Amino acid sequence: MAVMDGYEQGAPCWFELATTDQTSAKQFYTQLFGWNANDFPTGPAGSYTMFDKGGQQSGACYTLEPSMLEQGVPPNWGVYFAVKDVDASTAKTASLGGTVIAPAFDVMTFGRMSVCRDPGGAVFMLWQAKSHQGAGIYNEDNAVCWVELATWDVPQARDFYTNLLGWKTKSSAGMETYVEYGLGGYPLGGLLPMDENWKGIPSNWSIYLRVNDLDSYASKAKELGGAIMVPPFDVPNVGRMARLTDPQGAGFYLIQLANPSM
């Protein structure tokens, strides 16, 4: 999978960085991944930055508003999931025990979205596409290839998202406590059980960015002002990965796949 022209119901479709320093974030990600950054004015509040690779959009970033900072929202990579009817899916979120943070609203001619929180506390967005389908690239080098929920209650999360988004799930081979989710036989991400090592950290979504030389990318990220939170390690039959944060503290994973063609 590489260039995308649309997303199935329930698939992660857009990846958005909320940051405290948009200029610094643009420098970090463009230098690390070779992305281009294009700013679109949003009025007095500033601008919305769209990242692209080779003309295909890979994600975006914006500056956290003071009210969000007052509520304790940290810099983070947010995940959008494609739905056919955002109003219906938002209502279903509430009926399944989730919380609607921002009811469905139109984003100009691009689409319609809502902001929600699952029963475990992880925030996510629902997206009904109009002119903007989502990321133009997926699962290729220097693009998102996997989307993971770290949660304190895997069974609860599994029930919630399968009912809301129609996922098919299975336990990961060799890692019985890790649950993979996908659509149409294609794996899209996973549910990672949190333990005492995560004490004090709420459930949260993370993106994995695919690279062709993990160690060199991790070193470069550090040179650019990022931090390596979990040093590179190998997972048999999966690949090599590491957990990093950008200069503002937003977390993400790098992964070098053992079999990039999958």
Protein backbone atom coordinates (compact mmCIF):
# COMPACT_ATOMS: atom_id res chain seq x y z
CA MET A 1 0.00 0.00 0.00
CA ALA A 2 1.39 3.43 -0.88
CA VAL A 3 -0.57 6.17 -2.70
CA MET A 4 -4.11 6.43 -1.36
CA ASP A 5 -7.26 7.78 -3.01
CA GLY A 6 -9.70 6.98 -0.20
CA TYR A 7 -10.19 5.05 3.03
CA GLU A 8 -12.59 2.38 4.22
CA GLN A 9 -14.95 2.95 7.12
CA GLY A 10 -12.91 2.55 10.29
CA ALA A 11 -9.43 2.99 8.82
CA PRO A 12 -6.97 5.54 10.23
CA CYS A 13 -6.90 8.22 7.55
CA TRP A 14 -5.25 11.40 8.84
CA PHE A 15 -2.46 12.23 11.26
CA GLU A 16 -2.25 15.62 12.92
CA LEU A 17 0.40 17.06 15.20
CA ALA A 18 -0.71 19.45 17.94
CA THR A 19 2.35 21.40 19.06
CA THR A 20 3.53 24.35 21.13
CA ASP A 21 6.03 25.55 18.50
CA GLN A 22 4.83 25.12 14.94
CA THR A 23 7.95 26.62 13.36
CA SER A 24 10.28 24.30 15.26
CA ALA A 25 8.06 21.29 14.53
CA LYS A 26 8.11 22.05 10.80
CA GLN A 27 11.89 22.22 10.83
CA PHE A 28 12.20 18.94 12.73
CA TYR A 29 9.88 16.83 10.58
CA THR A 30 10.90 18.27 7.22
CA GLN A 31 14.58 17.69 7.99
CA LEU A 32 14.02 14.23 9.46
CA PHE A 33 11.66 12.80 6.84
CA GLY A 34 12.26 15.01 3.81
CA TRP A 35 8.70 16.28 3.91
CA ASN A 36 7.57 19.60 2.47
CA ALA A 37 5.57 21.97 4.69
CA ASN A 38 2.84 24.20 3.29
CA ASP A 39 1.06 26.73 5.51
CA PHE A 40 -2.61 27.65 5.09
CA PRO A 41 -3.78 30.75 7.01
CA THR A 42 -6.53 30.12 9.55
CA GLY A 43 -7.11 33.72 10.60
CA PRO A 44 -5.72 35.53 13.64
CA ALA A 45 -5.02 32.17 15.30
CA GLY A 46 -2.24 31.43 12.83
CA SER A 47 -1.94 28.74 10.18
CA TYR A 48 -2.49 25.06 9.53
CA THR A 49 0.55 23.27 8.13
CA MET A 50 0.14 20.42 5.65
CA PHE A 51 3.09 18.06 5.27
CA ASP A 52 3.64 16.26 1.99
CA LYS A 53 6.09 13.84 0.45
CA GLY A 54 6.45 13.94 -3.31
CA GLY A 55 3.20 15.86 -3.64
CA GLN A 56 1.21 13.40 -1.51
CA GLN A 57 0.00 14.67 1.86
CA SER A 58 1.44 12.79 4.84
CA GLY A 59 -0.07 14.70 7.77
CA ALA A 60 -0.43 18.13 9.32
CA CYS A 61 0.36 20.28 12.33
CA TYR A 62 -1.14 23.20 14.21
CA THR A 63 -0.40 25.21 17.35
CA LEU A 64 -2.24 24.25 20.54
CA GLU A 65 -4.59 26.99 21.69
CA PRO A 66 -4.12 28.52 25.17
CA SER A 67 -7.39 26.94 26.33
CA MET A 68 -6.11 23.50 25.34
CA LEU A 69 -2.86 24.06 27.21
CA GLU A 70 -4.83 25.17 30.28
CA GLN A 71 -6.70 21.86 30.12
CA GLY A 72 -3.40 20.01 30.19
CA VAL A 73 -3.35 18.87 26.55
CA PRO A 74 0.30 18.05 25.70
CA PRO A 75 1.93 18.12 22.27
CA ASN A 76 0.75 14.96 20.52
CA TRP A 77 0.07 13.21 17.24
CA GLY A 78 -3.71 12.87 16.83
CA VAL A 79 -5.38 10.18 14.74
CA TYR A 80 -8.48 10.50 12.55
CA PHE A 81 -10.61 7.50 11.54
CA ALA A 82 -12.66 7.47 8.34
CA VAL A 83 -16.43 7.10 8.66
CA LYS A 84 -19.28 7.34 6.17
CA ASP A 85 -21.62 9.27 8.49
CA VAL A 86 -19.81 11.26 11.17
CA ASP A 87 -23.00 12.34 12.92
CA ALA A 88 -24.20 8.76 13.29
CA SER A 89 -20.76 7.51 14.33
CA THR A 90 -20.43 10.30 16.89
CA ALA A 91 -23.79 9.40 18.40
CA LYS A 92 -22.73 5.75 18.46
CA THR A 93 -19.53 6.71 20.27
CA ALA A 94 -21.62 8.06 23.14
CA SER A 95 -23.95 5.06 23.17
CA LEU A 96 -20.95 2.72 23.47
CA GLY A 97 -19.62 4.53 26.53
CA GLY A 98 -17.33 7.04 24.87
CA THR A 99 -17.41 10.81 25.31
CA VAL A 100 -18.07 13.43 22.64
CA ILE A 101 -15.61 16.28 23.20
CA ALA A 102 -16.61 18.28 20.11
CA PRO A 103 -19.83 17.37 18.25
CA ALA A 104 -19.68 16.98 14.47
CA PHE A 105 -18.87 20.14 12.54
CA ASP A 106 -17.92 21.06 8.98
CA VAL A 107 -14.32 21.81 8.06
CA MET A 108 -15.00 24.11 5.11
CA THR A 109 -15.34 21.95 1.98
CA PHE A 110 -12.80 19.37 3.14
CA GLY A 111 -15.02 17.20 5.31
CA ARG A 112 -16.95 16.88 8.53
CA MET A 113 -15.41 15.79 11.83
CA SER A 114 -15.89 15.26 15.55
CA VAL A 115 -13.53 14.86 18.49
CA CYS A 116 -14.20 11.97 20.86
CA ARG A 117 -12.75 10.08 23.81
CA ASP A 118 -12.98 6.30 24.18
CA PRO A 119 -14.07 4.70 27.50
CA GLY A 120 -10.41 4.30 28.47
CA GLY A 121 -9.65 8.00 28.00
CA ALA A 122 -7.85 8.03 24.63
CA VAL A 123 -8.81 10.91 22.33
CA PHE A 124 -9.49 10.32 18.63
CA MET A 125 -11.18 12.05 15.72
CA LEU A 126 -13.84 10.86 13.28
CA TRP A 127 -13.66 12.10 9.69
CA GLN A 128 -16.31 12.08 6.98
CA ALA A 129 -14.46 13.05 3.83
CA LYS A 130 -15.65 15.53 1.24
CA SER A 131 -12.83 17.00 -0.85
CA HIS A 132 -10.10 15.78 1.53
CA GLN A 133 -9.89 11.99 1.82
CA GLY A 134 -6.94 11.97 4.23
CA ALA A 135 -3.27 11.13 3.88
CA GLY A 136 -2.21 10.57 0.29
CA ILE A 137 0.45 8.03 1.28
CA TYR A 138 0.39 5.18 3.77
CA ASN A 139 2.83 2.36 4.55
CA GLU A 140 5.79 3.56 2.55
CA ASP A 141 9.12 4.98 3.68
CA ASN A 142 8.80 8.25 5.61
CA ALA A 143 5.05 7.83 6.03
CA VAL A 144 2.74 6.40 8.66
CA CYS A 145 2.41 2.62 8.42
CA TRP A 146 0.84 1.55 11.75
CA VAL A 147 -1.45 3.18 14.31
CA GLU A 148 -1.46 1.89 17.89
CA LEU A 149 -3.55 2.40 20.99
CA ALA A 150 -1.78 2.02 24.33
CA THR A 151 -4.56 1.17 26.77
CA TRP A 152 -5.10 0.04 30.33
CA ASP A 153 -8.02 -2.16 29.26
CA VAL A 154 -7.51 -4.04 25.98
CA PRO A 155 -10.81 -6.02 26.11
CA GLN A 156 -12.79 -2.82 26.69
CA ALA A 157 -11.00 -1.01 23.85
CA ARG A 158 -11.40 -4.00 21.54
CA ASP A 159 -15.16 -4.12 22.12
CA PHE A 160 -15.57 -0.36 21.75
CA TYR A 161 -13.68 0.09 18.50
CA THR A 162 -14.89 -3.08 16.79
CA ASN A 163 -18.48 -2.01 17.46
CA LEU A 164 -17.83 1.58 16.42
CA LEU A 165 -15.54 1.14 13.42
CA GLY A 166 -16.13 -2.43 12.25
CA TRP A 167 -12.60 -3.68 12.81
CA LYS A 168 -11.59 -7.32 12.69
CA THR A 169 -9.15 -8.17 15.48
CA LYS A 170 -6.82 -11.00 16.43
CA SER A 171 -4.10 -11.72 18.97
CA SER A 172 -0.67 -11.08 17.54
CA ALA A 173 1.49 -14.13 16.80
CA GLY A 174 4.06 -14.53 19.55
CA MET A 175 2.55 -11.69 21.60
CA GLU A 176 -0.73 -13.03 22.96
CA THR A 177 -1.52 -9.86 24.93
CA TYR A 178 -1.13 -7.63 21.85
CA VAL A 179 -4.22 -7.31 19.67
CA GLU A 180 -3.99 -6.41 15.98
CA TYR A 181 -6.87 -4.72 14.17
CA GLY A 182 -7.56 -4.43 10.48
CA LEU A 183 -10.10 -4.24 7.67
CA GLY A 184 -10.57 -6.47 4.66
CA GLY A 185 -7.77 -8.75 5.76
CA TYR A 186 -5.26 -5.89 5.87
CA PRO A 187 -3.66 -5.10 9.27
CA LEU A 188 -3.75 -1.43 10.24
CA GLY A 189 -2.59 -1.23 13.83
CA GLY A 190 -2.74 -2.68 17.29
CA LEU A 191 -3.88 -2.43 20.89
CA LEU A 192 -0.96 -2.42 23.33
CA PRO A 193 -1.66 -3.35 26.97
CA MET A 194 -0.24 -0.86 29.46
CA ASP A 195 1.37 -2.05 32.70
CA GLU A 196 3.16 -0.62 35.74
CA ASN A 197 5.88 0.77 33.48
CA TRP A 198 3.26 3.20 32.15
CA LYS A 199 2.19 4.42 35.60
CA GLY A 200 0.61 7.87 35.45
CA ILE A 201 0.22 7.82 31.66
CA PRO A 202 -3.34 7.84 30.24
CA SER A 203 -4.45 5.67 27.33
CA ASN A 204 -3.32 7.24 24.06
CA TRP A 205 -2.95 6.78 20.32
CA SER A 206 0.45 6.73 18.58
CA ILE A 207 1.68 6.64 15.00
CA TYR A 208 4.51 4.54 13.58
CA LEU A 209 6.54 6.10 10.77
CA ARG A 210 8.27 3.67 8.44
CA VAL A 211 11.97 4.21 7.68
CA ASN A 212 14.63 2.23 5.81
CA ASP A 213 17.43 2.63 8.38
CA LEU A 214 16.05 2.99 11.87
CA ASP A 215 19.28 3.62 13.75
CA SER A 216 20.37 6.44 11.47
CA TYR A 217 16.93 8.07 11.65
CA ALA A 218 16.89 7.81 15.44
CA SER A 219 20.34 9.40 15.63
CA LYS A 220 19.31 12.17 13.25
CA ALA A 221 16.16 12.85 15.28
CA LYS A 222 18.32 13.33 18.37
CA GLU A 223 20.65 15.68 16.48
CA LEU A 224 17.61 17.72 15.43
CA GLY A 225 16.52 18.20 19.05
CA GLY A 226 14.32 15.17 19.55
CA ALA A 227 14.78 12.55 22.26
CA ILE A 228 14.99 8.76 22.15
CA MET A 229 12.60 7.49 24.82
CA VAL A 230 12.91 3.78 23.99
CA PRO A 231 16.19 2.89 22.22
CA PRO A 232 16.06 0.79 19.03
CA PHE A 233 15.08 -2.83 19.61
CA ASP A 234 14.17 -5.80 17.44
CA VAL A 235 10.86 -7.67 17.33
CA PRO A 236 11.17 -11.06 15.58
CA ASN A 237 9.32 -11.24 12.24
CA VAL A 238 8.21 -7.61 12.61
CA GLY A 239 11.26 -5.37 12.42
CA ARG A 240 13.27 -2.86 14.39
CA MET A 241 11.61 0.03 16.22
CA ALA A 242 12.15 2.88 18.67
CA ARG A 243 10.03 5.38 20.58
CA LEU A 244 10.96 9.05 20.19
CA THR A 245 9.69 12.51 21.02
CA ASP A 246 10.09 15.64 18.92
CA PRO A 247 11.61 18.84 20.41
CA GLN A 248 8.23 19.85 21.86
CA GLY A 249 7.59 16.44 23.44
CA ALA A 250 5.13 14.84 21.01
CA GLY A 251 5.74 11.10 20.89
CA PHE A 252 5.93 8.82 17.87
CA TYR A 253 7.52 5.54 16.82
CA LEU A 254 10.00 4.76 14.07
CA ILE A 255 9.91 1.29 12.54
CA GLN A 256 12.09 -0.50 10.01
CA LEU A 257 9.98 -3.38 8.77
CA ALA A 258 11.46 -6.84 8.41
CA ASN A 259 9.28 -7.30 5.32
CA PRO A 260 8.39 -3.88 3.83
CA SER A 261 6.27 -5.45 1.09
CA MET A 262 3.66 -6.64 3.58
